[in-house]
Protein backbone atom coordinates (compact mmCIF):
# COMPACT_ATOMS: atom_id res chain seq x y z
CA MET A 1 0.00 0.00 0.00
CA GLY A 2 2.96 2.32 0.28
CA THR A 3 1.99 3.20 3.87
CA GLU A 4 5.20 2.03 5.56
CA ASN A 5 6.99 5.34 4.98
CA PHE A 6 5.73 8.84 5.72
CA ALA A 7 2.22 8.07 6.93
CA SER A 8 3.19 5.22 9.27
CA ARG A 9 6.03 7.21 10.82
CA PHE A 10 3.79 10.21 11.43
CA CYS A 11 1.04 7.98 12.83
CA ARG A 12 3.36 6.38 15.39
CA LYS A 13 4.40 9.83 16.55
CA CYS A 14 0.79 11.04 16.67
CA LEU A 15 -0.35 8.10 18.81
CA SER A 16 2.58 8.14 21.22
CA GLN A 17 2.26 11.90 21.86
CA SER A 18 -1.54 12.03 22.10
CA LEU A 19 -2.96 8.91 23.73
CA PRO A 20 -2.45 6.50 26.59
CA VAL A 21 -1.91 2.90 25.59
CA ASN A 22 -5.39 1.74 26.56
CA MET A 23 -7.00 4.30 24.22
CA MET A 24 -4.65 3.40 21.36
CA ILE A 25 -5.84 -0.20 21.72
CA ARG A 26 -9.49 0.82 21.97
CA PHE A 27 -9.25 2.91 18.81
CA ALA A 28 -7.49 0.07 16.98
CA ARG A 29 -10.43 -2.18 17.85
CA ILE A 30 -12.81 0.19 16.08
CA VAL A 31 -11.45 -1.12 12.77
CA TYR A 32 -10.18 -4.53 13.96
CA PRO A 33 -12.47 -5.70 16.81
CA GLU A 34 -10.36 -8.79 17.64
CA TYR A 35 -7.16 -6.79 17.98
CA ASN A 36 -4.80 -8.01 20.72
CA ILE A 37 -1.59 -6.02 21.09
CA TYR A 38 0.09 -8.81 23.09
CA ARG A 39 -0.29 -11.35 20.31
CA HIS A 40 2.90 -10.25 18.53
CA THR A 41 4.85 -8.54 21.31
CA GLY A 42 5.94 -11.61 23.29
CA LEU A 43 4.65 -9.96 26.45
CA SER A 44 2.18 -11.59 28.81
CA GLU A 45 -1.36 -10.28 28.82
CA GLY A 46 -1.65 -7.18 30.97
CA MET A 47 2.05 -6.37 31.18
CA PRO A 48 2.81 -2.65 30.83
CA ILE A 49 3.85 -1.34 27.40
CA SER A 50 5.40 2.08 26.80
CA ASN A 51 3.59 4.60 24.62
CA GLN A 52 6.31 4.42 21.98
CA ASN A 53 6.29 0.61 21.81
CA ALA A 54 2.49 0.46 21.73
CA ALA A 55 2.29 3.00 18.92
CA GLN A 56 4.96 1.11 16.97
CA ARG A 57 3.16 -2.22 17.41
CA ILE A 58 -0.32 -0.91 16.62
CA VAL A 59 0.70 0.88 13.44
CA SER A 60 2.67 -2.16 12.27
CA ASP A 61 -0.28 -4.46 12.98
CA MET A 62 -2.81 -2.17 11.27
CA ILE A 63 -0.63 -2.24 8.16
CA GLN A 64 -0.24 -6.02 8.35
CA TYR A 65 -4.00 -6.55 8.76
CA GLY A 66 -4.77 -4.17 5.87
CA CYS A 67 -6.58 -1.77 8.21
CA PHE A 68 -4.17 1.14 8.35
CA ILE A 69 -6.15 3.57 6.20
CA ASP A 70 -9.39 2.61 7.99
CA PHE A 71 -7.55 3.27 11.27
CA VAL A 72 -6.43 6.74 10.14
CA GLU A 73 -9.99 7.54 9.01
CA ALA A 74 -11.23 6.51 12.48
CA LEU A 75 -8.64 8.78 14.11
CA ILE A 76 -9.81 11.69 11.93
CA ARG A 77 -13.42 11.12 13.04
CA ILE A 78 -12.35 10.94 16.69
CA ASP A 79 -10.25 14.09 16.42
CA ALA A 80 -13.20 15.96 14.89
CA GLY A 81 -16.07 14.62 16.99
CA GLY A 82 -14.63 12.87 20.03
CA TYR A 83 -15.27 9.34 21.27
CA MET A 84 -18.02 8.33 23.70
CA GLY A 85 -18.56 11.91 24.74
CA ARG A 86 -14.91 12.79 25.30
CA ARG A 87 -12.67 14.94 23.14
CA TYR A 88 -9.26 13.75 22.01
CA ALA A 89 -6.76 16.15 20.44
CA LEU A 90 -4.52 14.06 18.21
CA LYS A 91 -1.27 15.94 17.74
CA GLY A 92 0.26 15.69 14.31
CA LEU A 93 -2.77 14.08 12.66
CA ASN A 94 -2.49 16.52 9.76
CA ASP A 95 0.99 15.13 9.13
CA VAL A 96 -0.49 11.61 8.93
CA VAL A 97 -2.98 12.81 6.32
CA ALA A 98 -0.20 14.54 4.40
CA GLY A 99 1.86 11.33 4.60
CA LEU A 100 -0.92 9.28 3.00
CA ILE A 101 -1.32 11.87 0.27
CA HIS A 102 2.43 11.65 -0.33
CA ASP A 103 2.06 7.85 -0.52
CA GLY A 104 -0.39 8.12 -3.42
CA TYR A 105 -3.81 8.73 -1.87
CA SER A 106 -6.24 11.63 -1.97
CA TYR A 107 -8.54 12.62 0.88
CA ASP A 108 -12.20 13.61 0.56
CA PRO A 109 -13.07 15.72 3.63
CA VAL A 110 -16.82 15.48 2.90
CA LEU A 111 -16.85 11.67 2.89
CA GLY A 112 -14.00 11.45 5.41
CA GLN A 113 -12.29 8.81 3.31
CA PHE A 114 -9.03 8.23 1.46
CA PHE A 115 -8.96 7.06 -2.13
CA GLU A 116 -6.24 6.16 -4.55
CA ASN A 117 -4.99 9.20 -6.39
CA GLN A 118 -6.42 8.18 -9.75
CA ARG A 119 -3.94 10.36 -11.60
CA GLU A 120 -1.22 8.02 -10.31
CA ARG A 121 -2.85 4.58 -10.28
CA ILE A 122 -6.18 2.76 -10.48
CA SER A 123 -6.15 -0.63 -8.76
CA PRO A 124 -8.96 -3.22 -8.63
CA ASN A 125 -8.88 -3.04 -4.82
CA TRP A 126 -8.83 0.77 -4.62
CA GLY A 127 -5.50 0.38 -2.86
CA ARG A 128 -7.52 -0.60 0.21
CA LEU A 129 -8.78 -4.18 0.11
CA LYS A 130 -6.82 -7.36 0.67
CA ALA A 131 -7.65 -10.86 -0.52
CA GLY A 132 -10.47 -12.36 1.56
CA ASP A 133 -12.01 -9.04 2.64
CA GLU A 134 -15.79 -9.19 2.37
CA ARG A 135 -17.59 -5.88 1.90
CA LYS A 136 -21.00 -4.74 0.81
CA MET A 137 -20.57 -3.45 -2.75
CA THR A 138 -22.65 -2.19 -5.62
CA LEU A 139 -21.98 -3.95 -8.91
CA LEU A 140 -22.70 -2.78 -12.43
CA ARG A 141 -22.86 -5.28 -15.27
CA LEU A 142 -23.19 -4.35 -18.93
CA ASP A 143 -23.45 -6.42 -22.07
CA MET A 144 -23.62 -5.47 -25.74
CA ALA A 145 -26.91 -6.61 -27.24
CA GLY A 146 -26.75 -8.18 -30.71
CA SER A 147 -22.96 -8.07 -30.88
CA SER A 148 -22.70 -11.17 -33.08
CA VAL A 149 -24.81 -9.46 -35.76
CA LEU A 150 -22.64 -6.34 -35.61
CA VAL A 151 -19.49 -8.44 -36.06
CA ARG A 152 -20.92 -10.20 -39.12
CA GLN A 153 -22.19 -7.04 -40.80
CA ASN A 154 -19.24 -4.67 -40.29
CA LEU A 155 -15.60 -4.45 -41.32
CA ARG A 156 -13.14 -5.67 -38.72
CA HIS A 157 -11.33 -2.35 -38.29
CA ASN A 158 -14.69 -0.61 -37.71
CA ILE A 159 -15.63 -3.21 -35.09
CA GLU A 160 -12.28 -2.76 -33.35
CA LYS A 161 -12.70 1.04 -33.38
CA ALA A 162 -16.25 0.85 -31.96
CA TYR A 163 -15.22 -1.62 -29.22
CA ALA A 164 -12.27 0.55 -28.23
CA ASP A 165 -14.54 3.61 -28.10
CA LEU A 166 -17.06 1.76 -25.94
CA ARG A 167 -14.35 0.64 -23.53
CA SER A 168 -13.23 4.25 -23.23
CA ILE A 169 -16.78 5.46 -22.55
CA VAL A 170 -17.33 2.80 -19.88
CA ASN A 171 -13.94 3.18 -18.21
CA ARG A 172 -14.28 6.95 -18.02
CA ALA A 173 -17.79 6.73 -16.52
CA VAL A 174 -16.76 4.10 -13.95
CA THR A 175 -13.54 5.71 -12.71
CA SER A 176 -15.04 9.22 -12.59
CA ARG A 177 -17.42 7.90 -9.91
CA LEU A 178 -14.68 6.04 -7.98
CA GLY A 179 -15.66 2.66 -9.37
CA ARG A 180 -13.32 -0.04 -10.62
CA LEU A 181 -13.64 -2.01 -13.84
CA TRP A 182 -13.17 -5.59 -12.64
CA ASN A 183 -13.77 -7.54 -15.79
CA TRP A 184 -14.07 -6.99 -19.52
CA GLU A 185 -14.52 -10.14 -21.51
CA GLY A 186 -15.76 -10.10 -25.08
CA ASP A 187 -18.66 -7.69 -25.20
CA GLY A 188 -19.47 -7.65 -21.46
CA ALA A 189 -18.04 -5.83 -18.46
CA LEU A 190 -18.37 -5.78 -14.69
CA ALA A 191 -17.65 -2.75 -12.51
CA ALA A 192 -17.63 -2.47 -8.70
CA PHE A 193 -18.35 0.49 -6.42
CA LEU A 194 -17.40 0.55 -2.74
CA PHE A 195 -16.87 4.01 -1.26
CA GLY A 196 -19.14 6.98 -0.66
CA PRO A 197 -22.75 6.79 -1.92
CA MET A 198 -21.90 3.67 -3.90
CA GLU A 199 -25.48 2.80 -4.90
CA LYS A 200 -26.06 6.20 -6.47
CA SER A 201 -22.59 6.18 -8.01
CA ALA A 202 -23.30 2.92 -9.83
CA VAL A 203 -26.75 3.98 -11.04
CA TYR A 204 -25.53 7.39 -12.22
CA CYS A 205 -22.60 5.65 -13.91
CA GLY A 206 -25.06 3.48 -15.84
CA MET A 207 -27.02 6.56 -16.83
CA ASP A 208 -23.83 8.30 -17.95
CA ILE A 209 -22.92 5.35 -20.17
CA LEU A 210 -26.34 5.14 -21.79
CA HIS A 211 -26.47 8.89 -22.42
CA GLU A 212 -22.98 9.08 -23.89
CA LEU A 213 -23.67 6.03 -26.02
CA PHE A 214 -26.77 7.74 -27.45
CA PHE A 215 -24.67 10.64 -28.73
CA TYR A 216 -21.89 8.31 -29.85
CA ASN A 217 -24.35 6.37 -32.00
CA LYS A 218 -25.62 9.60 -33.55
CA LEU A 219 -22.27 11.28 -34.17
CA LYS A 220 -19.29 8.92 -34.11
CA ASN A 221 -20.33 5.31 -34.52
CA PRO A 222 -18.43 3.78 -37.49
CA LEU A 223 -20.78 0.78 -37.67
CA ASN A 224 -23.80 0.42 -39.92
CA SER A 225 -26.19 0.19 -36.97
CA PRO A 226 -26.30 1.55 -33.41
CA ILE A 227 -24.58 -0.12 -30.46
CA SER A 228 -27.08 -1.31 -27.86
CA LEU A 229 -26.31 -2.10 -24.23
CA ARG A 230 -28.09 -3.88 -21.40
CA ILE A 231 -27.02 -2.73 -17.94
CA ALA A 232 -27.80 -4.02 -14.44
CA VAL A 233 -27.05 -2.66 -10.96
CA HIS A 234 -27.28 -4.77 -7.81
CA ILE A 235 -26.02 -4.60 -4.20
CA GLY A 236 -24.70 -7.34 -1.97
CA PRO A 237 -21.74 -8.84 -0.12
CA VAL A 238 -18.62 -9.46 -2.21
CA ARG A 239 -15.48 -11.24 -1.11
CA TYR A 240 -12.50 -9.57 -2.73
CA SER A 241 -9.83 -11.62 -4.50
CA ASN A 242 -6.76 -10.51 -6.39
CA ASP A 243 -7.72 -13.10 -8.99
CA GLU A 244 -10.27 -11.85 -11.52
CA THR A 245 -11.75 -15.33 -12.04
CA GLU A 246 -12.34 -15.76 -8.30
CA ARG A 247 -14.07 -12.37 -8.07
CA MET A 248 -16.55 -13.49 -10.71
CA LYS A 249 -17.62 -16.46 -8.52
CA ASN A 250 -19.33 -14.27 -5.90
CA ASP A 251 -23.08 -14.86 -5.56
CA THR A 252 -23.73 -11.12 -5.83
CA VAL A 253 -21.86 -11.09 -9.14
CA LYS A 254 -23.98 -13.98 -10.42
CA GLN A 255 -27.18 -12.22 -9.34
CA THR A 256 -26.10 -9.08 -11.17
CA LEU A 257 -25.37 -11.08 -14.33
CA ALA A 258 -28.85 -12.62 -14.12
CA LEU A 259 -30.47 -9.21 -13.71
CA GLU A 260 -28.68 -7.89 -16.80
CA THR A 261 -30.42 -10.50 -18.96
CA LEU A 262 -33.80 -9.03 -17.93
CA ALA A 263 -33.00 -5.54 -19.20
CA ALA A 264 -34.13 -4.51 -22.66
CA ALA A 265 -31.65 -3.10 -25.17
CA ASN A 266 -30.46 0.38 -24.19
CA SER A 267 -31.90 0.16 -20.70
CA MET A 268 -30.67 -0.40 -17.15
CA GLY A 269 -32.29 -2.69 -14.62
CA ILE A 270 -31.67 -2.02 -10.95
CA SER A 271 -32.59 -4.38 -8.13
CA TYR A 272 -34.95 -3.42 -5.34
CA THR A 273 -32.05 -3.08 -2.88
CA ALA A 274 -30.43 -0.50 -5.15
CA PHE A 275 -33.67 1.27 -6.03
CA ILE A 276 -34.62 2.07 -2.43
CA MET A 277 -31.36 4.02 -2.05
CA MET A 278 -32.25 6.47 -4.82
CA ASP A 279 -33.57 9.97 -4.18
CA GLN A 280 -37.05 10.90 -5.40
CA ASN A 281 -35.82 12.92 -8.39
CA THR A 282 -33.95 9.88 -9.69
CA VAL A 283 -36.80 7.48 -8.91
CA ASN A 284 -39.07 9.45 -11.23
CA PHE A 285 -37.00 8.40 -14.24
CA PHE A 286 -37.60 4.69 -13.64
CA GLY A 287 -40.44 2.54 -14.86
CA PRO A 288 -42.82 0.53 -12.67
CA GLU A 289 -41.74 -2.35 -10.48
CA LYS A 290 -41.27 -5.70 -12.22
CA ASP A 291 -40.89 -9.24 -10.92
CA GLY A 292 -37.82 -11.27 -11.89
CA PRO A 293 -36.36 -14.62 -10.82
CA GLY A 294 -34.04 -12.83 -8.39
CA GLY A 295 -36.68 -10.47 -6.99
CA LYS A 296 -38.22 -7.13 -7.86
CA PHE A 297 -36.46 -4.63 -10.12
CA ARG A 298 -37.09 -1.47 -12.13
CA LEU A 299 -35.90 -0.30 -15.52
CA TYR A 300 -34.39 2.96 -16.66
CA LYS A 301 -34.44 3.89 -20.34
CA PRO A 302 -33.06 7.24 -21.49
CA GLY A 303 -35.72 9.67 -22.62
CA LEU A 304 -38.81 7.84 -21.44
CA ALA A 305 -40.04 5.73 -18.56
CA GLU A 306 -40.75 2.07 -19.10
CA SER A 307 -44.42 1.42 -19.56
């Protein structure tokens, strides 16, 4: 993660100068409830630990467990709003934030979260998740409708140009809303959203893609007929893996793939769990509730509601 340098050094200093050992441990358990500082120290349970040694151990363990950035975010919340009715002034916390920014992250003060600096890198795990982490995510699946007909009826270089353009449209829409493109195979893609208002981000991403595709078909499409997409958005638990094939085995991924088959060409289906997270202005653009094998869903089609 690149957090062993500036940010970790500043965090050790911040903890040792600001908190007693018992509070360092308590704050570590906010992000890692089973945390036991004695597990790796070689000390017996309850033996005294100096502030410096405790800070060193906790920061090292948070990095090892993949919780360091979550830990820093918790410290920021505590510094701003206190903990269980008590205020804690964390000296040097701004240096910790600056250290993470130096290490390739950006900080959103509204969301109170760190993200990869997307000008430097875009990783499938957002630079945050480790293999085996299970999180609630919003997934977006898209598939090109009638792609086999397009391939038969168009010159190869035109097909390649159109596919490259579509990839660019999708990638731009996904990353601009802090999503990650997890899979692109043939004429289908899967994107994941994790941070911030992830449900809205995924739905608005789908809208962005459909709208931009409409203008692309009118103005730039080199093919002899329009490109049509089916899109689906669904929410559920996803276990992260560094292996793309393993990620695709999640039940939530399979449910999203199934929902995509229910969408008409140039429309987006969103599951009930995603729909209830939308604001009223967005809800008004969706058609009536429908029943599918995986549960209720609604459709969005640019320009008109589904009847």
